[in-house]
Full PDB file with SEQRES, HELIX, SHEET, SSBOND, CRYST1, ORIGX, SCALE, CONECT and MASTER records, all heavy atoms in Angstrom:
SEQRES   1 A   36  TYR ASP ILE LYS GLU HIS GLU ARG PRO LEU THR GLN GLY          
SEQRES   2 A   36  ILE LEU ASP VAL LEU TYR ASP LEU GLU GLU ASN SER ASP          
SEQRES   3 A   36  ASP PRO GLU LEU ASP MET SER ASP ASP ALA                      
HELIX    1 AA1 GLU A    5  GLU A    7  5                                   3    
HELIX    2 AA2 THR A   11  GLU A   23  1                                  13    
CRYST1    1.000    1.000    1.000  90.00  90.00  90.00 P 1           1          
ORIGX1      1.000000  0.000000  0.000000        0.00000                         
ORIGX2      0.000000  1.000000  0.000000        0.00000                         
ORIGX3      0.000000  0.000000  1.000000        0.00000                         
SCALE1      1.000000  0.000000  0.000000        0.00000                         
SCALE2      0.000000  1.000000  0.000000        0.00000                         
SCALE3      0.000000  0.000000  1.000000        0.00000                         
ATOM      1  N   TYR A   1     118.705  80.592  97.801  1.00  0.00           N  
ATOM      2  CA  TYR A   1     117.281  80.497  97.494  1.00  0.00           C  
ATOM      3  C   TYR A   1     117.051  80.747  96.010  1.00  0.00           C  
ATOM      4  O   TYR A   1     117.585  81.696  95.441  1.00  0.00           O  
ATOM      5  CB  TYR A   1     116.500  81.519  98.326  1.00  0.00           C  
ATOM      6  CG  TYR A   1     115.010  81.273  98.338  1.00  0.00           C  
ATOM      7  CD1 TYR A   1     114.412  80.584  99.390  1.00  0.00           C  
ATOM      8  CD2 TYR A   1     114.197  81.725  97.304  1.00  0.00           C  
ATOM      9  CE1 TYR A   1     113.045  80.356  99.416  1.00  0.00           C  
ATOM     10  CE2 TYR A   1     112.825  81.492  97.311  1.00  0.00           C  
ATOM     11  CZ  TYR A   1     112.257  80.810  98.368  1.00  0.00           C  
ATOM     12  OH  TYR A   1     110.912  80.587  98.388  1.00  0.00           O  
ATOM     13  N   ASP A   2     116.266  79.910  95.397  1.00  0.00           N  
ATOM     14  CA  ASP A   2     115.928  80.076  93.981  1.00  0.00           C  
ATOM     15  C   ASP A   2     114.696  80.973  93.886  1.00  0.00           C  
ATOM     16  O   ASP A   2     113.563  80.518  94.024  1.00  0.00           O  
ATOM     17  CB  ASP A   2     115.648  78.715  93.347  1.00  0.00           C  
ATOM     18  CG  ASP A   2     115.348  78.822  91.864  1.00  0.00           C  
ATOM     19  OD1 ASP A   2     115.694  79.871  91.262  1.00  0.00           O  
ATOM     20  OD2 ASP A   2     114.763  77.872  91.307  1.00  0.00           O  
ATOM     21  N   ILE A   3     114.928  82.273  93.673  1.00  0.00           N  
ATOM     22  CA  ILE A   3     113.831  83.239  93.662  1.00  0.00           C  
ATOM     23  C   ILE A   3     113.018  83.083  92.378  1.00  0.00           C  
ATOM     24  O   ILE A   3     113.559  83.139  91.273  1.00  0.00           O  
ATOM     25  CB  ILE A   3     114.359  84.682  93.767  1.00  0.00           C  
ATOM     26  CG1 ILE A   3     115.264  84.834  94.994  1.00  0.00           C  
ATOM     27  CG2 ILE A   3     113.202  85.668  93.834  1.00  0.00           C  
ATOM     28  CD1 ILE A   3     115.990  86.171  95.049  1.00  0.00           C  
ATOM     29  N   LYS A   4     111.730  82.884  92.548  1.00  0.00           N  
ATOM     30  CA  LYS A   4     110.827  82.775  91.396  1.00  0.00           C  
ATOM     31  C   LYS A   4     110.382  84.170  90.958  1.00  0.00           C  
ATOM     32  O   LYS A   4     110.364  85.113  91.745  1.00  0.00           O  
ATOM     33  CB  LYS A   4     109.596  81.953  91.767  1.00  0.00           C  
ATOM     34  CG  LYS A   4     109.907  80.590  92.392  1.00  0.00           C  
ATOM     35  CD  LYS A   4     110.638  79.677  91.417  1.00  0.00           C  
ATOM     36  CE  LYS A   4     110.730  78.248  91.948  1.00  0.00           C  
ATOM     37  NZ  LYS A   4     111.549  78.129  93.183  1.00  0.00           N  
ATOM     38  N   GLU A   5     110.017  84.300  89.691  1.00  0.00           N  
ATOM     39  CA  GLU A   5     109.623  85.605  89.159  1.00  0.00           C  
ATOM     40  C   GLU A   5     108.443  86.200  89.925  1.00  0.00           C  
ATOM     41  O   GLU A   5     108.402  87.406  90.179  1.00  0.00           O  
ATOM     42  CB  GLU A   5     109.279  85.499  87.674  1.00  0.00           C  
ATOM     43  CG  GLU A   5     110.459  85.598  86.727  1.00  0.00           C  
ATOM     44  CD  GLU A   5     111.323  86.830  86.964  1.00  0.00           C  
ATOM     45  OE1 GLU A   5     110.774  87.951  86.968  1.00  0.00           O  
ATOM     46  OE2 GLU A   5     112.532  86.676  87.158  1.00  0.00           O  
ATOM     47  N   HIS A   6     107.475  85.370  90.303  1.00  0.00           N  
ATOM     48  CA  HIS A   6     106.294  85.896  90.985  1.00  0.00           C  
ATOM     49  C   HIS A   6     106.614  86.353  92.415  1.00  0.00           C  
ATOM     50  O   HIS A   6     105.789  87.019  93.047  1.00  0.00           O  
ATOM     51  CB  HIS A   6     105.169  84.853  91.006  1.00  0.00           C  
ATOM     52  CG  HIS A   6     105.416  83.701  91.935  1.00  0.00           C  
ATOM     53  ND1 HIS A   6     106.099  82.567  91.548  1.00  0.00           N  
ATOM     54  CD2 HIS A   6     105.086  83.512  93.247  1.00  0.00           C  
ATOM     55  CE1 HIS A   6     106.172  81.732  92.561  1.00  0.00           C  
ATOM     56  NE2 HIS A   6     105.572  82.270  93.609  1.00  0.00           N  
ATOM     57  N   GLU A   7     107.804  86.008  92.906  1.00  0.00           N  
ATOM     58  CA  GLU A   7     108.215  86.437  94.246  1.00  0.00           C  
ATOM     59  C   GLU A   7     108.956  87.775  94.217  1.00  0.00           C  
ATOM     60  O   GLU A   7     109.180  88.372  95.265  1.00  0.00           O  
ATOM     61  CB  GLU A   7     109.110  85.374  94.889  1.00  0.00           C  
ATOM     62  CG  GLU A   7     108.386  84.060  95.132  1.00  0.00           C  
ATOM     63  CD  GLU A   7     109.310  82.923  95.539  1.00  0.00           C  
ATOM     64  OE1 GLU A   7     110.445  82.872  95.017  1.00  0.00           O  
ATOM     65  OE2 GLU A   7     108.897  82.086  96.369  1.00  0.00           O  
ATOM     66  N   ARG A   8     109.296  88.238  93.040  1.00  0.00           N  
ATOM     67  CA  ARG A   8     110.036  89.494  92.907  1.00  0.00           C  
ATOM     68  C   ARG A   8     109.075  90.682  92.820  1.00  0.00           C  
ATOM     69  O   ARG A   8     107.928  90.537  92.381  1.00  0.00           O  
ATOM     70  CB  ARG A   8     110.917  89.470  91.657  1.00  0.00           C  
ATOM     71  CG  ARG A   8     112.002  88.398  91.673  1.00  0.00           C  
ATOM     72  CD  ARG A   8     112.888  88.504  90.459  1.00  0.00           C  
ATOM     73  NE  ARG A   8     113.882  87.437  90.396  1.00  0.00           N  
ATOM     74  CZ  ARG A   8     115.052  87.467  91.035  1.00  0.00           C  
ATOM     75  NH1 ARG A   8     115.367  88.526  91.753  1.00  0.00           N  
ATOM     76  NH2 ARG A   8     115.891  86.460  90.927  1.00  0.00           N  
ATOM     77  N   PRO A   9     109.527  91.862  93.205  1.00  0.00           N  
ATOM     78  CA  PRO A   9     108.687  93.049  93.036  1.00  0.00           C  
ATOM     79  C   PRO A   9     108.556  93.435  91.569  1.00  0.00           C  
ATOM     80  O   PRO A   9     109.422  93.114  90.748  1.00  0.00           O  
ATOM     81  CB  PRO A   9     109.450  94.127  93.812  1.00  0.00           C  
ATOM     82  CG  PRO A   9     110.877  93.692  93.767  1.00  0.00           C  
ATOM     83  CD  PRO A   9     110.845  92.190  93.813  1.00  0.00           C  
ATOM     84  N   LEU A  10     107.471  94.122  91.250  1.00  0.00           N  
ATOM     85  CA  LEU A  10     107.291  94.689  89.911  1.00  0.00           C  
ATOM     86  C   LEU A  10     107.741  96.147  89.967  1.00  0.00           C  
ATOM     87  O   LEU A  10     106.932  97.078  89.982  1.00  0.00           O  
ATOM     88  CB  LEU A  10     105.835  94.554  89.483  1.00  0.00           C  
ATOM     89  CG  LEU A  10     105.302  93.121  89.395  1.00  0.00           C  
ATOM     90  CD1 LEU A  10     103.815  93.111  89.086  1.00  0.00           C  
ATOM     91  CD2 LEU A  10     106.082  92.323  88.352  1.00  0.00           C  
ATOM     92  N   THR A  11     109.054  96.317  90.023  1.00  0.00           N  
ATOM     93  CA  THR A  11     109.624  97.649  90.227  1.00  0.00           C  
ATOM     94  C   THR A  11     109.216  98.614  89.128  1.00  0.00           C  
ATOM     95  O   THR A  11     108.869  99.773  89.399  1.00  0.00           O  
ATOM     96  CB  THR A  11     111.158  97.553  90.320  1.00  0.00           C  
ATOM     97  OG1 THR A  11     111.496  96.634  91.365  1.00  0.00           O  
ATOM     98  CG2 THR A  11     111.775  98.907  90.612  1.00  0.00           C  
ATOM     99  N   GLN A  12     109.241  98.145  87.888  1.00  0.00           N  
ATOM    100  CA  GLN A  12     108.891  99.035  86.781  1.00  0.00           C  
ATOM    101  C   GLN A  12     107.452  99.499  86.878  1.00  0.00           C  
ATOM    102  O   GLN A  12     107.128 100.642  86.519  1.00  0.00           O  
ATOM    103  CB  GLN A  12     109.126  98.331  85.441  1.00  0.00           C  
ATOM    104  CG  GLN A  12     108.960  99.246  84.225  1.00  0.00           C  
ATOM    105  CD  GLN A  12     109.902 100.442  84.256  1.00  0.00           C  
ATOM    106  OE1 GLN A  12     111.104 100.280  84.440  1.00  0.00           O  
ATOM    107  NE2 GLN A  12     109.356 101.647  84.083  1.00  0.00           N  
ATOM    108  N   GLY A  13     106.563  98.655  87.380  1.00  0.00           N  
ATOM    109  CA  GLY A  13     105.177  99.052  87.551  1.00  0.00           C  
ATOM    110  C   GLY A  13     105.036 100.223  88.506  1.00  0.00           C  
ATOM    111  O   GLY A  13     104.239 101.141  88.269  1.00  0.00           O  
ATOM    112  N   ILE A  14     105.813 100.216  89.579  1.00  0.00           N  
ATOM    113  CA  ILE A  14     105.777 101.327  90.537  1.00  0.00           C  
ATOM    114  C   ILE A  14     106.382 102.583  89.919  1.00  0.00           C  
ATOM    115  O   ILE A  14     105.870 103.686  90.098  1.00  0.00           O  
ATOM    116  CB  ILE A  14     106.502 100.940  91.839  1.00  0.00           C  
ATOM    117  CG1 ILE A  14     105.772  99.786  92.521  1.00  0.00           C  
ATOM    118  CG2 ILE A  14     106.612 102.145  92.783  1.00  0.00           C  
ATOM    119  CD1 ILE A  14     106.425  99.281  93.784  1.00  0.00           C  
ATOM    120  N   LEU A  15     107.477 102.418  89.179  1.00  0.00           N  
ATOM    121  CA  LEU A  15     108.080 103.581  88.515  1.00  0.00           C  
ATOM    122  C   LEU A  15     107.091 104.224  87.557  1.00  0.00           C  
ATOM    123  O   LEU A  15     106.980 105.458  87.498  1.00  0.00           O  
ATOM    124  CB  LEU A  15     109.345 103.146  87.757  1.00  0.00           C  
ATOM    125  CG  LEU A  15     110.496 102.581  88.589  1.00  0.00           C  
ATOM    126  CD1 LEU A  15     111.677 102.222  87.689  1.00  0.00           C  
ATOM    127  CD2 LEU A  15     110.930 103.563  89.662  1.00  0.00           C  
ATOM    128  N   ASP A  16     106.353 103.408  86.811  1.00  0.00           N  
ATOM    129  CA  ASP A  16     105.355 103.953  85.876  1.00  0.00           C  
ATOM    130  C   ASP A  16     104.307 104.769  86.615  1.00  0.00           C  
ATOM    131  O   ASP A  16     103.904 105.855  86.159  1.00  0.00           O  
ATOM    132  CB  ASP A  16     104.680 102.810  85.108  1.00  0.00           C  
ATOM    133  CG  ASP A  16     105.618 102.126  84.123  1.00  0.00           C  
ATOM    134  OD1 ASP A  16     106.670 102.710  83.794  1.00  0.00           O  
ATOM    135  OD2 ASP A  16     105.287 100.994  83.696  1.00  0.00           O  
ATOM    136  N   VAL A  17     103.861 104.264  87.776  1.00  0.00           N  
ATOM    137  CA  VAL A  17     102.848 104.980  88.559  1.00  0.00           C  
ATOM    138  C   VAL A  17     103.393 106.323  89.041  1.00  0.00           C  
ATOM    139  O   VAL A  17     102.718 107.356  88.941  1.00  0.00           O  
ATOM    140  CB  VAL A  17     102.393 104.127  89.764  1.00  0.00           C  
ATOM    141  CG1 VAL A  17     101.564 104.967  90.741  1.00  0.00           C  
ATOM    142  CG2 VAL A  17     101.590 102.931  89.298  1.00  0.00           C  
ATOM    143  N   LEU A  18     104.603 106.320  89.556  1.00  0.00           N  
ATOM    144  CA  LEU A  18     105.181 107.554  90.088  1.00  0.00           C  
ATOM    145  C   LEU A  18     105.358 108.605  88.995  1.00  0.00           C  
ATOM    146  O   LEU A  18     105.061 109.792  89.204  1.00  0.00           O  
ATOM    147  CB  LEU A  18     106.524 107.264  90.760  1.00  0.00           C  
ATOM    148  CG  LEU A  18     106.477 106.380  92.010  1.00  0.00           C  
ATOM    149  CD1 LEU A  18     107.886 106.177  92.571  1.00  0.00           C  
ATOM    150  CD2 LEU A  18     105.569 106.978  93.080  1.00  0.00           C  
ATOM    151  N   TYR A  19     105.811 108.183  87.819  1.00  0.00           N  
ATOM    152  CA  TYR A  19     105.986 109.144  86.724  1.00  0.00           C  
ATOM    153  C   TYR A  19     104.635 109.620  86.179  1.00  0.00           C  
ATOM    154  O   TYR A  19     104.498 110.784  85.777  1.00  0.00           O  
ATOM    155  CB  TYR A  19     106.855 108.541  85.617  1.00  0.00           C  
ATOM    156  CG  TYR A  19     108.325 108.515  85.987  1.00  0.00           C  
ATOM    157  CD1 TYR A  19     108.983 107.307  86.184  1.00  0.00           C  
ATOM    158  CD2 TYR A  19     109.045 109.698  86.143  1.00  0.00           C  
ATOM    159  CE1 TYR A  19     110.325 107.278  86.541  1.00  0.00           C  
ATOM    160  CE2 TYR A  19     110.387 109.676  86.494  1.00  0.00           C  
ATOM    161  CZ  TYR A  19     111.024 108.463  86.693  1.00  0.00           C  
ATOM    162  OH  TYR A  19     112.355 108.442  87.057  1.00  0.00           O  
ATOM    163  N   ASP A  20     103.626 108.747  86.177  1.00  0.00           N  
ATOM    164  CA  ASP A  20     102.286 109.170  85.761  1.00  0.00           C  
ATOM    165  C   ASP A  20     101.723 110.209  86.726  1.00  0.00           C  
ATOM    166  O   ASP A  20     101.092 111.198  86.303  1.00  0.00           O  
ATOM    167  CB  ASP A  20     101.346 107.961  85.705  1.00  0.00           C  
ATOM    168  CG  ASP A  20     101.566 107.112  84.468  1.00  0.00           C  
ATOM    169  OD1 ASP A  20     102.271 107.586  83.547  1.00  0.00           O  
ATOM    170  OD2 ASP A  20     101.051 105.980  84.422  1.00  0.00           O  
ATOM    171  N   LEU A  21     101.936 109.991  88.022  1.00  0.00           N  
ATOM    172  CA  LEU A  21     101.474 110.961  89.011  1.00  0.00           C  
ATOM    173  C   LEU A  21     102.132 112.314  88.807  1.00  0.00           C  
ATOM    174  O   LEU A  21     101.483 113.359  88.888  1.00  0.00           O  
ATOM    175  CB  LEU A  21     101.786 110.452  90.422  1.00  0.00           C  
ATOM    176  CG  LEU A  21     100.891 109.354  90.980  1.00  0.00           C  
ATOM    177  CD1 LEU A  21     101.443 108.852  92.308  1.00  0.00           C  
ATOM    178  CD2 LEU A  21      99.461 109.855  91.166  1.00  0.00           C  
ATOM    179  N   GLU A  22     103.425 112.294  88.541  1.00  0.00           N  
ATOM    180  CA  GLU A  22     104.147 113.547  88.313  1.00  0.00           C  
ATOM    181  C   GLU A  22     103.624 114.259  87.072  1.00  0.00           C  
ATOM    182  O   GLU A  22     103.413 115.476  87.077  1.00  0.00           O  
ATOM    183  CB  GLU A  22     105.637 113.269  88.170  1.00  0.00           C  
ATOM    184  CG  GLU A  22     106.475 114.516  87.962  1.00  0.00           C  
ATOM    185  CD  GLU A  22     107.948 114.177  87.776  1.00  0.00           C  
ATOM    186  OE1 GLU A  22     108.274 113.332  86.921  1.00  0.00           O  
ATOM    187  OE2 GLU A  22     108.773 114.783  88.478  1.00  0.00           O  
ATOM    188  N   GLU A  23     103.377 113.499  86.026  1.00  0.00           N  
ATOM    189  CA  GLU A  23     102.937 114.089  84.763  1.00  0.00           C  
ATOM    190  C   GLU A  23     101.565 114.735  84.892  1.00  0.00           C  
ATOM    191  O   GLU A  23     101.275 115.743  84.252  1.00  0.00           O  
ATOM    192  CB  GLU A  23     102.903 113.002  83.680  1.00  0.00           C  
ATOM    193  CG  GLU A  23     102.553 113.519  82.295  1.00  0.00           C  
ATOM    194  CD  GLU A  23     102.596 112.422  81.239  1.00  0.00           C  
ATOM    195  OE1 GLU A  23     103.187 111.356  81.521  1.00  0.00           O  
ATOM    196  OE2 GLU A  23     102.039 112.639  80.157  1.00  0.00           O  
ATOM    197  N   ASN A  24     100.727 114.151  85.760  1.00  0.00           N  
ATOM    198  CA  ASN A  24      99.351 114.658  85.889  1.00  0.00           C  
ATOM    199  C   ASN A  24      99.137 115.483  87.150  1.00  0.00           C  
ATOM    200  O   ASN A  24      97.996 115.769  87.520  1.00  0.00           O  
ATOM    201  CB  ASN A  24      98.374 113.475  85.888  1.00  0.00           C  
ATOM    202  CG  ASN A  24      98.318 112.764  84.555  1.00  0.00           C  
ATOM    203  OD1 ASN A  24      97.739 113.263  83.596  1.00  0.00           O  
ATOM    204  ND2 ASN A  24      98.937 111.601  84.492  1.00  0.00           N  
ATOM    205  N   SER A  25     100.218 115.880  87.797  1.00  0.00           N  
ATOM    206  CA  SER A  25     100.099 116.581  89.079  1.00  0.00           C  
ATOM    207  C   SER A  25      99.459 117.965  88.950  1.00  0.00           C  
ATOM    208  O   SER A  25      98.933 118.497  89.930  1.00  0.00           O  
ATOM    209  CB  SER A  25     101.478 116.722  89.734  1.00  0.00           C  
ATOM    210  OG  SER A  25     102.339 117.501  88.905  1.00  0.00           O  
ATOM    211  N   ASP A  26      99.481 118.548  87.771  1.00  0.00           N  
ATOM    212  CA  ASP A  26      98.923 119.890  87.579  1.00  0.00           C  
ATOM    213  C   ASP A  26      97.440 119.880  87.230  1.00  0.00           C  
ATOM    214  O   ASP A  26      96.830 120.937  87.054  1.00  0.00           O  
ATOM    215  CB  ASP A  26      99.694 120.629  86.472  1.00  0.00           C  
ATOM    216  CG  ASP A  26     101.132 120.913  86.866  1.00  0.00           C  
ATOM    217  OD1 ASP A  26     101.389 121.030  88.076  1.00  0.00           O  
ATOM    218  OD2 ASP A  26     101.989 121.007  85.965  1.00  0.00           O  
ATOM    219  N   ASP A  27      96.852 118.679  87.126  1.00  0.00           N  
ATOM    220  CA  ASP A  27      95.440 118.574  86.766  1.00  0.00           C  
ATOM    221  C   ASP A  27      94.610 118.396  88.042  1.00  0.00           C  
ATOM    222  O   ASP A  27      94.568 117.305  88.619  1.00  0.00           O  
ATOM    223  CB  ASP A  27      95.219 117.378  85.840  1.00  0.00           C  
ATOM    224  CG  ASP A  27      93.805 117.327  85.284  1.00  0.00           C  
ATOM    225  OD1 ASP A  27      92.930 118.030  85.833  1.00  0.00           O  
ATOM    226  OD2 ASP A  27      93.580 116.588  84.311  1.00  0.00           O  
ATOM    227  N   PRO A  28      93.933 119.459  88.527  1.00  0.00           N  
ATOM    228  CA  PRO A  28      93.181 119.378  89.789  1.00  0.00           C  
ATOM    229  C   PRO A  28      91.997 118.428  89.735  1.00  0.00           C  
ATOM    230  O   PRO A  28      91.497 117.995  90.767  1.00  0.00           O  
ATOM    231  CB  PRO A  28      92.729 120.820  90.029  1.00  0.00           C  
ATOM    232  CG  PRO A  28      92.685 121.426  88.667  1.00  0.00           C  
ATOM    233  CD  PRO A  28      93.791 120.780  87.887  1.00  0.00           C  
ATOM    234  N   GLU A  29      91.530 118.101  88.527  1.00  0.00           N  
ATOM    235  CA  GLU A  29      90.373 117.219  88.396  1.00  0.00           C  
ATOM    236  C   GLU A  29      90.773 115.751  88.367  1.00  0.00           C  
ATOM    237  O   GLU A  29      89.911 114.869  88.375  1.00  0.00           O  
ATOM    238  CB  GLU A  29      89.597 117.572  87.124  1.00  0.00           C  
ATOM    239  CG  GLU A  29      88.996 118.974  87.145  1.00  0.00           C  
ATOM    240  CD  GLU A  29      88.189 119.258  85.904  1.00  0.00           C  
ATOM    241  OE1 GLU A  29      88.067 118.355  85.056  1.00  0.00           O  
ATOM    242  OE2 GLU A  29      87.663 120.386  85.780  1.00  0.00           O  
ATOM    243  N   LEU A  30      92.063 115.492  88.351  1.00  0.00           N  
ATOM    244  CA  LEU A  30      92.538 114.113  88.232  1.00  0.00           C  
ATOM    245  C   LEU A  30      93.255 113.716  89.517  1.00  0.00           C  
ATOM    246  O   LEU A  30      94.415 114.040  89.727  1.00  0.00           O  
ATOM    247  CB  LEU A  30      93.482 113.991  87.033  1.00  0.00           C  
ATOM    248  CG  LEU A  30      93.916 112.561  86.648  1.00  0.00           C  
ATOM    249  CD1 LEU A  30      92.685 111.729  86.273  1.00  0.00           C  
ATOM    250  CD2 LEU A  30      94.883 112.605  85.472  1.00  0.00           C  
ATOM    251  N   ASP A  31      92.523 113.057  90.401  1.00  0.00           N  
ATOM    252  CA  ASP A  31      93.098 112.592  91.661  1.00  0.00           C  
ATOM    253  C   ASP A  31      93.381 111.100  91.533  1.00  0.00           C  
ATOM    254  O   ASP A  31      92.477 110.263  91.583  1.00  0.00           O  
ATOM    255  CB  ASP A  31      92.132 112.851  92.818  1.00  0.00           C  
ATOM    256  CG  ASP A  31      92.748 112.469  94.161  1.00  0.00           C  
ATOM    257  OD1 ASP A  31      93.910 112.010  94.157  1.00  0.00           O  
ATOM    258  OD2 ASP A  31      92.076 112.623  95.192  1.00  0.00           O  
ATOM    259  N   MET A  32      94.650 110.766  91.340  1.00  0.00           N  
ATOM    260  CA  MET A  32      95.049 109.382  91.087  1.00  0.00           C  
ATOM    261  C   MET A  32      95.600 108.700  92.335  1.00  0.00           C  
ATOM    262  O   MET A  32      96.046 107.560  92.261  1.00  0.00           O  
ATOM    263  CB  MET A  32      96.118 109.354  89.990  1.00  0.00           C  
ATOM    264  CG  MET A  32      95.701 109.965  88.675  1.00  0.00           C  
ATOM    265  SD  MET A  32      97.114 110.168  87.551  1.00  0.00           S  
ATOM    266  CE  MET A  32      97.713 108.486  87.416  1.00  0.00           C  
ATOM    267  N   SER A  33      95.578 109.384  93.487  1.00  0.00           N  
ATOM    268  CA  SER A  33      96.332 108.890  94.638  1.00  0.00           C  
ATOM    269  C   SER A  33      95.850 107.528  95.133  1.00  0.00           C  
ATOM    270  O   SER A  33      96.662 106.647  95.418  1.00  0.00           O  
ATOM    271  CB  SER A  33      96.280 109.910  95.780  1.00  0.00           C  
ATOM    272  OG  SER A  33      94.939 110.200  96.128  1.00  0.00           O  
ATOM    273  N   ASP A  34      94.505 107.342  95.232  1.00  0.00           N  
ATOM    274  CA  ASP A  34      93.998 106.058  95.715  1.00  0.00           C  
ATOM    275  C   ASP A  34      94.359 104.924  94.773  1.00  0.00           C  
ATOM    276  O   ASP A  34      94.836 103.866  95.192  1.00  0.00           O  
ATOM    277  CB  ASP A  34      92.472 106.121  95.897  1.00  0.00           C  
ATOM    278  CG  ASP A  34      92.085 106.815  97.194  1.00  0.00           C  
ATOM    279  OD1 ASP A  34      92.994 107.132  97.984  1.00  0.00           O  
ATOM    280  OD2 ASP A  34      90.885 107.047  97.407  1.00  0.00           O  
ATOM    281  N   ASP A  35      94.113 105.126  93.478  1.00  0.00           N  
ATOM    282  CA  ASP A  35      94.469 104.105  92.501  1.00  0.00           C  
ATOM    283  C   ASP A  35      95.970 103.847  92.505  1.00  0.00           C  
ATOM    284  O   ASP A  35      96.416 102.699  92.384  1.00  0.00           O  
ATOM    285  CB  ASP A  35      94.024 104.530  91.094  1.00  0.00           C  
ATOM    286  CG  ASP A  35      92.512 104.487  90.924  1.00  0.00           C  
ATOM    287  OD1 ASP A  35      91.840 103.838  91.751  1.00  0.00           O  
ATOM    288  OD2 ASP A  35      92.013 105.112  89.971  1.00  0.00           O  
ATOM    289  N   ALA A  36      96.738 104.918  92.652  1.00  0.00           N  
ATOM    290  CA  ALA A  36      98.194 104.784  92.650  1.00  0.00           C  
ATOM    291  C   ALA A  36      98.653 103.911  93.805  1.00  0.00           C  
ATOM    292  O   ALA A  36      99.496 103.015  93.631  1.00  0.00           O  
ATOM    293  CB  ALA A  36      98.855 106.160  92.726  1.00  0.00           C  
TER     294      ALA A  36                                                      
MASTER        0    0    0    2    0    0    0    6  293    1    0    3          
END                                                                             
C-alpha cells in the first residue's frame, strides 16, 4: 500500500500535547485536558 502523508498519524503533535500537559500540571488554574 502506498501510504499517503495525510493517512499517517501526527505523532509529534501528540507528543507536544503530552509534554505541554506535564509542564503545566502544577498550575491549578490551567485545565488543558479537554483541549488536549
